[in-house]
């Protein structure tokens, strides 16, 4: 399992993001955020019951899944460099075959 700790120190939730919110800010999927957490590249922890209640009241989550809710410090997103995937658009994959060197 990744570096998801079960600390019980609820902090100000304005500084915390759910995995879905972190995914939106990073421009990736929630699955990718969880992969970054499991790889140890993104620190995270499970929300404690008081935080879950505050997240529900603020309508930031719809319900609480059985596995809990992962919260991430907003400042920790800077630790993750998300690289674009795939081949860049507009660049040919093979060099030109005209015999000239570029």
Protein backbone atom coordinates (compact mmCIF):
# COMPACT_ATOMS: atom_id res chain seq x y z
CA UNK A 1 0.00 0.00 0.00
CA UNK A 2 1.08 3.59 -0.44
CA UNK A 3 1.87 6.34 1.98
CA UNK A 4 -1.67 6.97 3.15
CA UNK A 5 -1.39 7.60 6.85
CA UNK A 6 -4.18 7.55 9.41
CA UNK A 7 -3.19 10.66 11.37
CA UNK A 8 -5.95 11.99 13.59
CA UNK A 9 -5.05 15.68 13.53
CA UNK A 10 -7.88 17.38 11.66
CA UNK A 11 -6.65 20.61 10.12
CA UNK A 12 -8.33 23.40 8.26
CA UNK A 13 -10.10 21.79 5.30
CA UNK A 14 -9.55 24.82 3.08
CA UNK A 15 -5.92 23.65 2.85
CA UNK A 16 -6.95 20.08 2.00
CA UNK A 17 -8.19 18.53 -1.24
CA UNK A 18 -10.00 15.31 -1.96
CA UNK A 19 -8.50 13.03 -4.59
CA UNK A 20 -11.05 14.28 -7.13
CA UNK A 21 -10.20 17.92 -6.44
CA UNK A 22 -6.47 17.16 -6.66
CA UNK A 23 -7.04 15.37 -9.97
CA UNK A 24 -8.86 18.42 -11.37
CA UNK A 25 -6.03 20.75 -10.34
CA UNK A 26 -3.36 18.47 -11.79
CA UNK A 27 -5.31 17.76 -14.97
CA UNK A 28 -5.23 13.98 -14.46
CA UNK A 29 -7.69 11.28 -13.42
CA UNK A 30 -8.45 10.25 -9.84
CA UNK A 31 -6.90 6.88 -10.64
CA UNK A 32 -3.63 8.66 -11.53
CA UNK A 33 -3.73 10.60 -8.24
CA UNK A 34 -4.13 7.33 -6.33
CA UNK A 35 -1.24 5.83 -8.32
CA UNK A 36 0.96 8.80 -7.35
CA UNK A 37 -0.01 8.27 -3.70
CA UNK A 38 0.76 4.54 -3.84
CA UNK A 39 4.10 5.26 -5.49
CA UNK A 40 4.97 7.59 -2.62
CA UNK A 41 5.22 10.67 -4.86
CA UNK A 42 2.19 12.43 -3.35
CA UNK A 43 1.69 12.47 0.45
CA UNK A 44 -1.89 11.83 1.57
CA UNK A 45 -3.92 10.51 4.48
CA UNK A 46 -7.41 9.29 5.22
CA UNK A 47 -9.91 11.84 6.53
CA UNK A 48 -10.99 11.46 10.17
CA UNK A 49 -14.73 11.40 11.04
CA UNK A 50 -14.90 15.10 11.92
CA UNK A 51 -13.33 15.97 8.56
CA UNK A 52 -15.73 13.65 6.75
CA UNK A 53 -18.65 15.45 8.39
CA UNK A 54 -17.24 18.83 7.35
CA UNK A 55 -16.65 17.63 3.78
CA UNK A 56 -20.22 16.32 3.58
CA UNK A 57 -21.65 19.56 5.01
CA UNK A 58 -19.66 21.62 2.50
CA UNK A 59 -20.93 19.35 -0.35
CA UNK A 60 -17.35 18.56 -1.38
CA UNK A 61 -18.17 14.83 -1.27
CA UNK A 62 -21.51 13.13 -1.90
CA UNK A 63 -21.06 10.14 0.39
CA UNK A 64 -18.40 8.25 2.29
CA UNK A 65 -17.22 5.04 0.63
CA UNK A 66 -16.35 2.06 2.81
CA UNK A 67 -12.62 2.58 2.18
CA UNK A 68 -12.79 6.18 3.38
CA UNK A 69 -11.82 9.46 1.77
CA UNK A 70 -8.25 10.42 0.95
CA UNK A 71 -7.26 14.02 1.62
CA UNK A 72 -4.17 15.75 0.26
CA UNK A 73 -2.59 19.03 1.35
CA UNK A 74 -3.00 21.56 -1.46
CA UNK A 75 0.62 22.66 -1.02
CA UNK A 76 1.82 19.09 -1.69
CA UNK A 77 0.57 19.20 -5.29
CA UNK A 78 3.73 21.13 -6.18
CA UNK A 79 5.71 17.96 -5.36
CA UNK A 80 4.23 16.20 -8.36
CA UNK A 81 5.35 16.97 -11.88
CA UNK A 82 2.76 15.74 -14.33
CA UNK A 83 4.22 15.18 -17.77
CA UNK A 84 2.13 15.15 -20.93
CA UNK A 85 1.73 11.69 -22.39
CA UNK A 86 1.89 10.60 -25.99
CA UNK A 87 3.77 12.01 -28.92
CA UNK A 88 3.62 15.82 -29.37
CA UNK A 89 1.14 16.99 -31.99
CA UNK A 90 2.53 18.46 -35.16
CA UNK A 91 5.89 16.69 -34.98
CA UNK A 92 6.56 13.90 -37.45
CA UNK A 93 7.47 10.57 -35.90
CA UNK A 94 10.11 9.79 -38.54
CA UNK A 95 12.70 12.12 -39.98
CA UNK A 96 12.16 13.30 -43.53
CA UNK A 97 13.37 10.83 -46.19
CA UNK A 98 14.64 13.51 -48.62
CA UNK A 99 18.28 12.85 -47.70
CA UNK A 100 18.95 16.26 -46.22
CA UNK A 101 20.31 16.61 -42.71
CA UNK A 102 18.59 19.02 -40.35
